Amino acid sequence: MKNKIDQRTTEINECKHWDNNVNALTEVWDRGFNFGRKGILDEIRRRIYQKGKQLEVIAQDFSERDS
């Protein structure tokens, strides 16, 4: 029984993750649509850059803890 519950929880979490990705892409599309294809690509690049910066901060925080 526990395995079935764990499996279902995993499936639900994967669905939530997928929904978040779809929502983010839809938002990017809606914003960029006004500016054409270049606008969409610029928005995606901007988001990737922001996410990269967030990851750098997290990595730096971990490396400072280790030293």
Foldseek 3Di string as FASTA:
>chain_A
DVVVVVVVVVVVVVVVVVVVVVVVLVVLCVQQVVVPPVSSVVSVVVVVVVVVVVVVVVVVVVVVVVD
